[in-house]
């Protein structure tokens, strides 16, 4: 198991419950175990074909060496603050410096859900993107069947800006997708 003391993480990436860091090759086994959780994959995006342990190791190594696919886009490992246990991941994508907005996705491993880790990780990323990179808005999409994520975003203070009907096909049927947004001003009013 990975222990947080092995890697130096800036206080900017340290919250009350979690710390965010880069993916490390040693994370491969935990991510591989999560790949076997079909329902977790479905809520994240799609159910993938089985991935060998060797392929998972290569993915983790490639991620550990990556600066991200594009400016301002990155995949974070989420680990607990005290134990240094890997509990999920978060990525930023569709970042537009010109328009001042970005999107993110977050996945907490099933056995660690409901403990506040997702909220803490979201708070860290939004604070950094708003305060350090001058972005103005964060967007997130949530599938209609993912009730826990819908509740998380509403409780966090995101505004539900729209609903895209029948935009995702999984488990034999089409599902709606909810679009959430939060501006920097809304974030700092709620989380000074």
C-alpha atoms as a PDB file:
ATOM      1  CA  UNK A   1       0.000   0.000   0.000  1.00  0.00           C
ATOM      2  CA  UNK A   2       1.159   3.534  -0.759  1.00  0.00           C
ATOM      3  CA  UNK A   3       1.884   5.800   2.211  1.00  0.00           C
ATOM      4  CA  UNK A   4       1.729   9.564   1.767  1.00  0.00           C
ATOM      5  CA  UNK A   5       4.989  10.329   3.518  1.00  0.00           C
ATOM      6  CA  UNK A   6       6.874   8.870   0.540  1.00  0.00           C
ATOM      7  CA  UNK A   7       5.965  11.827  -1.681  1.00  0.00           C
ATOM      8  CA  UNK A   8       6.162  15.516  -0.904  1.00  0.00           C
ATOM      9  CA  UNK A   9       2.808  17.208  -1.519  1.00  0.00           C
ATOM     10  CA  UNK A  10       2.347  20.962  -1.349  1.00  0.00           C
ATOM     11  CA  UNK A  11      -0.045  22.359   1.278  1.00  0.00           C
ATOM     12  CA  UNK A  12      -2.056  23.802  -1.646  1.00  0.00           C
ATOM     13  CA  UNK A  13      -3.113  20.239  -2.432  1.00  0.00           C
ATOM     14  CA  UNK A  14      -3.894  19.311   1.181  1.00  0.00           C
ATOM     15  CA  UNK A  15      -7.435  19.596   2.514  1.00  0.00           C
ATOM     16  CA  UNK A  16      -9.100  18.645   5.769  1.00  0.00           C
ATOM     17  CA  UNK A  17      -9.557  14.990   4.810  1.00  0.00           C
ATOM     18  CA  UNK A  18      -7.548  14.340   1.654  1.00  0.00           C
ATOM     19  CA  UNK A  19      -4.479  15.333  -0.271  1.00  0.00           C
ATOM     20  CA  UNK A  20      -4.214  15.398  -4.048  1.00  0.00           C
ATOM     21  CA  UNK A  21      -1.110  14.130  -5.785  1.00  0.00           C
ATOM     22  CA  UNK A  22       0.035  12.734  -9.104  1.00  0.00           C
ATOM     23  CA  UNK A  23      -0.726   9.135 -10.040  1.00  0.00           C
ATOM     24  CA  UNK A  24       2.200   6.883  -9.136  1.00  0.00           C
ATOM     25  CA  UNK A  25       3.121   3.513 -10.692  1.00  0.00           C
ATOM     26  CA  UNK A  26       2.475   1.909  -7.285  1.00  0.00           C
ATOM     27  CA  UNK A  27      -1.225   2.893  -7.623  1.00  0.00           C
ATOM     28  CA  UNK A  28      -1.779   0.350 -10.416  1.00  0.00           C
ATOM     29  CA  UNK A  29      -3.087  -2.466  -8.206  1.00  0.00           C
ATOM     30  CA  UNK A  30      -5.737  -0.307  -6.518  1.00  0.00           C
ATOM     31  CA  UNK A  31      -6.931   1.145  -9.827  1.00  0.00           C
ATOM     32  CA  UNK A  32      -7.006  -2.366 -11.294  1.00  0.00           C
ATOM     33  CA  UNK A  33      -9.227  -3.539  -8.439  1.00  0.00           C
ATOM     34  CA  UNK A  34     -11.578  -0.617  -9.096  1.00  0.00           C
ATOM     35  CA  UNK A  35     -11.769  -1.583 -12.792  1.00  0.00           C
ATOM     36  CA  UNK A  36     -13.482  -4.806 -11.706  1.00  0.00           C
ATOM     37  CA  UNK A  37     -16.353  -2.800 -10.124  1.00  0.00           C
ATOM     38  CA  UNK A  38     -18.755  -2.520 -13.063  1.00  0.00           C
ATOM     39  CA  UNK A  39     -21.194  -0.192 -11.306  1.00  0.00           C
ATOM     40  CA  UNK A  40     -18.373   2.174 -10.325  1.00  0.00           C
ATOM     41  CA  UNK A  41     -17.219   2.245 -13.944  1.00  0.00           C
ATOM     42  CA  UNK A  42     -20.764   2.928 -15.151  1.00  0.00           C
ATOM     43  CA  UNK A  43     -21.168   5.986 -12.893  1.00  0.00           C
ATOM     44  CA  UNK A  44     -17.778   7.286 -14.005  1.00  0.00           C
ATOM     45  CA  UNK A  45     -18.310   7.060 -17.735  1.00  0.00           C
ATOM     46  CA  UNK A  46     -18.523   3.588 -19.263  1.00  0.00           C
ATOM     47  CA  UNK A  47     -17.754  -0.027 -18.577  1.00  0.00           C
ATOM     48  CA  UNK A  48     -14.429  -0.813 -20.201  1.00  0.00           C
ATOM     49  CA  UNK A  49     -13.112  -4.099 -21.523  1.00  0.00           C
ATOM     50  CA  UNK A  50     -11.032  -6.002 -18.944  1.00  0.00           C
ATOM     51  CA  UNK A  51      -7.571  -4.574 -18.434  1.00  0.00           C
ATOM     52  CA  UNK A  52      -4.593  -6.786 -17.602  1.00  0.00           C
ATOM     53  CA  UNK A  53      -2.458  -5.963 -14.602  1.00  0.00           C
ATOM     54  CA  UNK A  54       0.443  -5.250 -16.956  1.00  0.00           C
ATOM     55  CA  UNK A  55      -1.660  -2.800 -18.939  1.00  0.00           C
ATOM     56  CA  UNK A  56      -2.810  -1.146 -15.679  1.00  0.00           C
ATOM     57  CA  UNK A  57       0.832  -0.803 -14.586  1.00  0.00           C
ATOM     58  CA  UNK A  58       1.700   0.789 -17.930  1.00  0.00           C
ATOM     59  CA  UNK A  59      -1.266   3.184 -17.581  1.00  0.00           C
ATOM     60  CA  UNK A  60      -0.205   4.193 -14.056  1.00  0.00           C
ATOM     61  CA  UNK A  61       3.406   4.663 -15.171  1.00  0.00           C
ATOM     62  CA  UNK A  62       2.318   6.742 -18.173  1.00  0.00           C
ATOM     63  CA  UNK A  63       0.073   8.871 -15.929  1.00  0.00           C
ATOM     64  CA  UNK A  64       2.905   9.367 -13.449  1.00  0.00           C
ATOM     65  CA  UNK A  65       5.084  10.783 -16.223  1.00  0.00           C
ATOM     66  CA  UNK A  66       2.386  12.926 -17.824  1.00  0.00           C
ATOM     67  CA  UNK A  67       1.991  16.659 -17.497  1.00  0.00           C
ATOM     68  CA  UNK A  68      -1.607  16.207 -18.618  1.00  0.00           C
ATOM     69  CA  UNK A  69      -3.090  15.946 -22.093  1.00  0.00           C
ATOM     70  CA  UNK A  70      -3.371  19.715 -22.529  1.00  0.00           C
ATOM     71  CA  UNK A  71      -2.670  22.866 -20.544  1.00  0.00           C
ATOM     72  CA  UNK A  72      -4.623  22.926 -17.272  1.00  0.00           C
ATOM     73  CA  UNK A  73      -5.805  19.318 -17.655  1.00  0.00           C
ATOM     74  CA  UNK A  74      -4.532  16.816 -15.111  1.00  0.00           C
ATOM     75  CA  UNK A  75      -5.434  13.552 -13.349  1.00  0.00           C
ATOM     76  CA  UNK A  76      -5.043  13.573  -9.571  1.00  0.00           C
ATOM     77  CA  UNK A  77      -4.859  10.671  -7.144  1.00  0.00           C
ATOM     78  CA  UNK A  78      -6.952  11.298  -4.020  1.00  0.00           C
ATOM     79  CA  UNK A  79      -5.506   9.906  -0.814  1.00  0.00           C
ATOM     80  CA  UNK A  80      -6.571  10.181   2.813  1.00  0.00           C
ATOM     81  CA  UNK A  81      -4.733  12.843   4.751  1.00  0.00           C
ATOM     82  CA  UNK A  82      -3.765  10.756   7.778  1.00  0.00           C
ATOM     83  CA  UNK A  83      -3.269   7.231   6.396  1.00  0.00           C
ATOM     84  CA  UNK A  84      -2.122   8.133   2.892  1.00  0.00           C
ATOM     85  CA  UNK A  85      -4.528   5.546   1.468  1.00  0.00           C
ATOM     86  CA  UNK A  86      -5.564   5.909  -2.175  1.00  0.00           C
ATOM     87  CA  UNK A  87      -9.350   6.433  -2.206  1.00  0.00           C
ATOM     88  CA  UNK A  88     -10.074   7.668  -5.728  1.00  0.00           C
ATOM     89  CA  UNK A  89      -9.119  10.021  -8.518  1.00  0.00           C
ATOM     90  CA  UNK A  90     -10.145  13.299 -10.064  1.00  0.00           C
ATOM     91  CA  UNK A  91      -9.392  14.823 -13.424  1.00  0.00           C
ATOM     92  CA  UNK A  92      -9.768  18.221 -14.997  1.00  0.00           C
ATOM     93  CA  UNK A  93     -10.592  18.443 -18.683  1.00  0.00           C
ATOM     94  CA  UNK A  94     -12.134  20.683 -21.367  1.00  0.00           C
ATOM     95  CA  UNK A  95     -10.186  23.589 -19.855  1.00  0.00           C
ATOM     96  CA  UNK A  96     -10.518  26.808 -21.837  1.00  0.00           C
ATOM     97  CA  UNK A  97      -8.281  29.621 -20.639  1.00  0.00           C
ATOM     98  CA  UNK A  98      -9.872  31.887 -23.242  1.00  0.00           C
ATOM     99  CA  UNK A  99     -13.381  31.321 -21.843  1.00  0.00           C
ATOM    100  CA  UNK A 100     -12.248  30.864 -18.253  1.00  0.00           C
ATOM    101  CA  UNK A 101     -13.978  27.549 -17.632  1.00  0.00           C
ATOM    102  CA  UNK A 102     -13.104  23.906 -17.121  1.00  0.00           C
ATOM    103  CA  UNK A 103     -14.786  20.613 -16.349  1.00  0.00           C
ATOM    104  CA  UNK A 104     -13.853  17.893 -13.922  1.00  0.00           C
ATOM    105  CA  UNK A 105     -14.716  14.329 -13.111  1.00  0.00           C
ATOM    106  CA  UNK A 106     -14.306  12.576  -9.788  1.00  0.00           C
ATOM    107  CA  UNK A 107     -14.447   8.934  -8.727  1.00  0.00           C
ATOM    108  CA  UNK A 108     -14.213   7.682  -5.164  1.00  0.00           C
ATOM    109  CA  UNK A 109     -13.705   3.937  -4.717  1.00  0.00           C
ATOM    110  CA  UNK A 110     -16.906   2.270  -3.476  1.00  0.00           C
ATOM    111  CA  UNK A 111     -15.524   1.348  -0.026  1.00  0.00           C
ATOM    112  CA  UNK A 112     -14.611   5.004   0.653  1.00  0.00           C
ATOM    113  CA  UNK A 113     -17.776   6.797  -0.445  1.00  0.00           C
ATOM    114  CA  UNK A 114     -19.854   8.941   1.894  1.00  0.00           C
ATOM    115  CA  UNK A 115     -16.903  10.087   4.018  1.00  0.00           C
ATOM    116  CA  UNK A 116     -16.490  13.618   2.624  1.00  0.00           C
ATOM    117  CA  UNK A 117     -13.474  12.825   0.444  1.00  0.00           C
ATOM    118  CA  UNK A 118     -15.116  13.974  -2.808  1.00  0.00           C
ATOM    119  CA  UNK A 119     -16.193  17.347  -1.384  1.00  0.00           C
ATOM    120  CA  UNK A 120     -12.738  17.981   0.035  1.00  0.00           C
ATOM    121  CA  UNK A 121     -11.043  17.105  -3.287  1.00  0.00           C
ATOM    122  CA  UNK A 122     -13.460  19.290  -5.281  1.00  0.00           C
ATOM    123  CA  UNK A 123     -12.823  22.190  -2.910  1.00  0.00           C
ATOM    124  CA  UNK A 124      -9.041  21.884  -3.415  1.00  0.00           C
ATOM    125  CA  UNK A 125      -9.244  21.788  -7.209  1.00  0.00           C
ATOM    126  CA  UNK A 126     -11.743  24.645  -7.484  1.00  0.00           C
ATOM    127  CA  UNK A 127      -9.756  26.819  -5.089  1.00  0.00           C
ATOM    128  CA  UNK A 128      -6.586  26.256  -7.136  1.00  0.00           C
ATOM    129  CA  UNK A 129      -8.192  26.813 -10.528  1.00  0.00           C
ATOM    130  CA  UNK A 130     -10.020  29.937  -9.370  1.00  0.00           C
ATOM    131  CA  UNK A 131      -7.307  31.462  -7.189  1.00  0.00           C
ATOM    132  CA  UNK A 132      -4.118  30.468  -8.998  1.00  0.00           C
ATOM    133  CA  UNK A 133      -5.083  29.957 -12.651  1.00  0.00           C
ATOM    134  CA  UNK A 134      -7.753  32.707 -12.910  1.00  0.00           C
ATOM    135  CA  UNK A 135     -10.509  30.425 -14.181  1.00  0.00           C
ATOM    136  CA  UNK A 136     -14.002  31.771 -13.598  1.00  0.00           C
ATOM    137  CA  UNK A 137     -16.248  28.708 -13.779  1.00  0.00           C
ATOM    138  CA  UNK A 138     -16.212  24.979 -13.074  1.00  0.00           C
ATOM    139  CA  UNK A 139     -18.634  22.638 -14.820  1.00  0.00           C
ATOM    140  CA  UNK A 140     -19.547  19.056 -14.023  1.00  0.00           C
ATOM    141  CA  UNK A 141     -21.886  16.597 -15.677  1.00  0.00           C
ATOM    142  CA  UNK A 142     -23.674  13.929 -13.673  1.00  0.00           C
ATOM    143  CA  UNK A 143     -25.718  11.019 -15.007  1.00  0.00           C
ATOM    144  CA  UNK A 144     -29.337  10.960 -13.822  1.00  0.00           C
ATOM    145  CA  UNK A 145     -28.964   7.499 -12.248  1.00  0.00           C
ATOM    146  CA  UNK A 146     -25.996   8.642 -10.101  1.00  0.00           C
ATOM    147  CA  UNK A 147     -28.072   9.900  -7.178  1.00  0.00           C
ATOM    148  CA  UNK A 148     -25.095  10.194  -4.813  1.00  0.00           C
ATOM    149  CA  UNK A 149     -23.239  12.514  -7.199  1.00  0.00           C
ATOM    150  CA  UNK A 150     -26.379  14.572  -7.860  1.00  0.00           C
ATOM    151  CA  UNK A 151     -26.784  15.046  -4.091  1.00  0.00           C
ATOM    152  CA  UNK A 152     -23.076  15.872  -3.671  1.00  0.00           C
ATOM    153  CA  UNK A 153     -23.124  18.637  -6.290  1.00  0.00           C
ATOM    154  CA  UNK A 154     -26.361  20.147  -5.006  1.00  0.00           C
ATOM    155  CA  UNK A 155     -25.114  20.118  -1.408  1.00  0.00           C
ATOM    156  CA  UNK A 156     -21.746  21.566  -2.449  1.00  0.00           C
ATOM    157  CA  UNK A 157     -23.575  24.559  -3.927  1.00  0.00           C
ATOM    158  CA  UNK A 158     -23.411  23.945  -7.654  1.00  0.00           C
ATOM    159  CA  UNK A 159     -26.224  25.389  -9.745  1.00  0.00           C
ATOM    160  CA  UNK A 160     -28.039  22.890 -11.924  1.00  0.00           C
ATOM    161  CA  UNK A 161     -27.964  24.648 -15.274  1.00  0.00           C
ATOM    162  CA  UNK A 162     -29.565  22.092 -17.512  1.00  0.00           C
ATOM    163  CA  UNK A 163     -30.419  18.561 -18.368  1.00  0.00           C
ATOM    164  CA  UNK A 164     -29.443  16.815 -21.572  1.00  0.00           C
ATOM    165  CA  UNK A 165     -32.077  14.210 -22.292  1.00  0.00           C
ATOM    166  CA  UNK A 166     -31.145  10.608 -23.167  1.00  0.00           C
ATOM    167  CA  UNK A 167     -27.488  11.496 -23.652  1.00  0.00           C
ATOM    168  CA  UNK A 168     -25.868   8.349 -22.222  1.00  0.00           C
ATOM    169  CA  UNK A 169     -26.513   4.700 -23.043  1.00  0.00           C
ATOM    170  CA  UNK A 170     -25.614   2.125 -20.405  1.00  0.00           C
ATOM    171  CA  UNK A 171     -27.142  -0.965 -18.846  1.00  0.00           C
ATOM    172  CA  UNK A 172     -29.519  -1.345 -21.798  1.00  0.00           C
ATOM    173  CA  UNK A 173     -31.153   2.077 -21.671  1.00  0.00           C
ATOM    174  CA  UNK A 174     -30.662   5.782 -22.303  1.00  0.00           C
ATOM    175  CA  UNK A 175     -30.159   8.184 -19.400  1.00  0.00           C
ATOM    176  CA  UNK A 176     -30.293  11.935 -18.955  1.00  0.00           C
ATOM    177  CA  UNK A 177     -27.216  13.940 -18.043  1.00  0.00           C
ATOM    178  CA  UNK A 178     -27.362  16.881 -15.606  1.00  0.00           C
ATOM    179  CA  UNK A 179     -25.114  19.880 -16.173  1.00  0.00           C
ATOM    180  CA  UNK A 180     -23.866  21.705 -13.051  1.00  0.00           C
ATOM    181  CA  UNK A 181     -21.852  24.908 -12.806  1.00  0.00           C
ATOM    182  CA  UNK A 182     -20.207  27.049 -10.151  1.00  0.00           C
ATOM    183  CA  UNK A 183     -18.527  30.413 -10.689  1.00  0.00           C
ATOM    184  CA  UNK A 184     -15.522  31.630  -8.751  1.00  0.00           C
ATOM    185  CA  UNK A 185     -17.677  34.276  -7.024  1.00  0.00           C
ATOM    186  CA  UNK A 186     -20.210  31.620  -5.956  1.00  0.00           C
ATOM    187  CA  UNK A 187     -17.413  29.382  -4.703  1.00  0.00           C
ATOM    188  CA  UNK A 188     -15.677  32.057  -2.600  1.00  0.00           C
ATOM    189  CA  UNK A 189     -18.992  33.296  -1.174  1.00  0.00           C
ATOM    190  CA  UNK A 190     -19.635  29.769   0.072  1.00  0.00           C
ATOM    191  CA  UNK A 191     -16.035  28.720   0.859  1.00  0.00           C
ATOM    192  CA  UNK A 192     -14.119  31.883   1.842  1.00  0.00           C
END
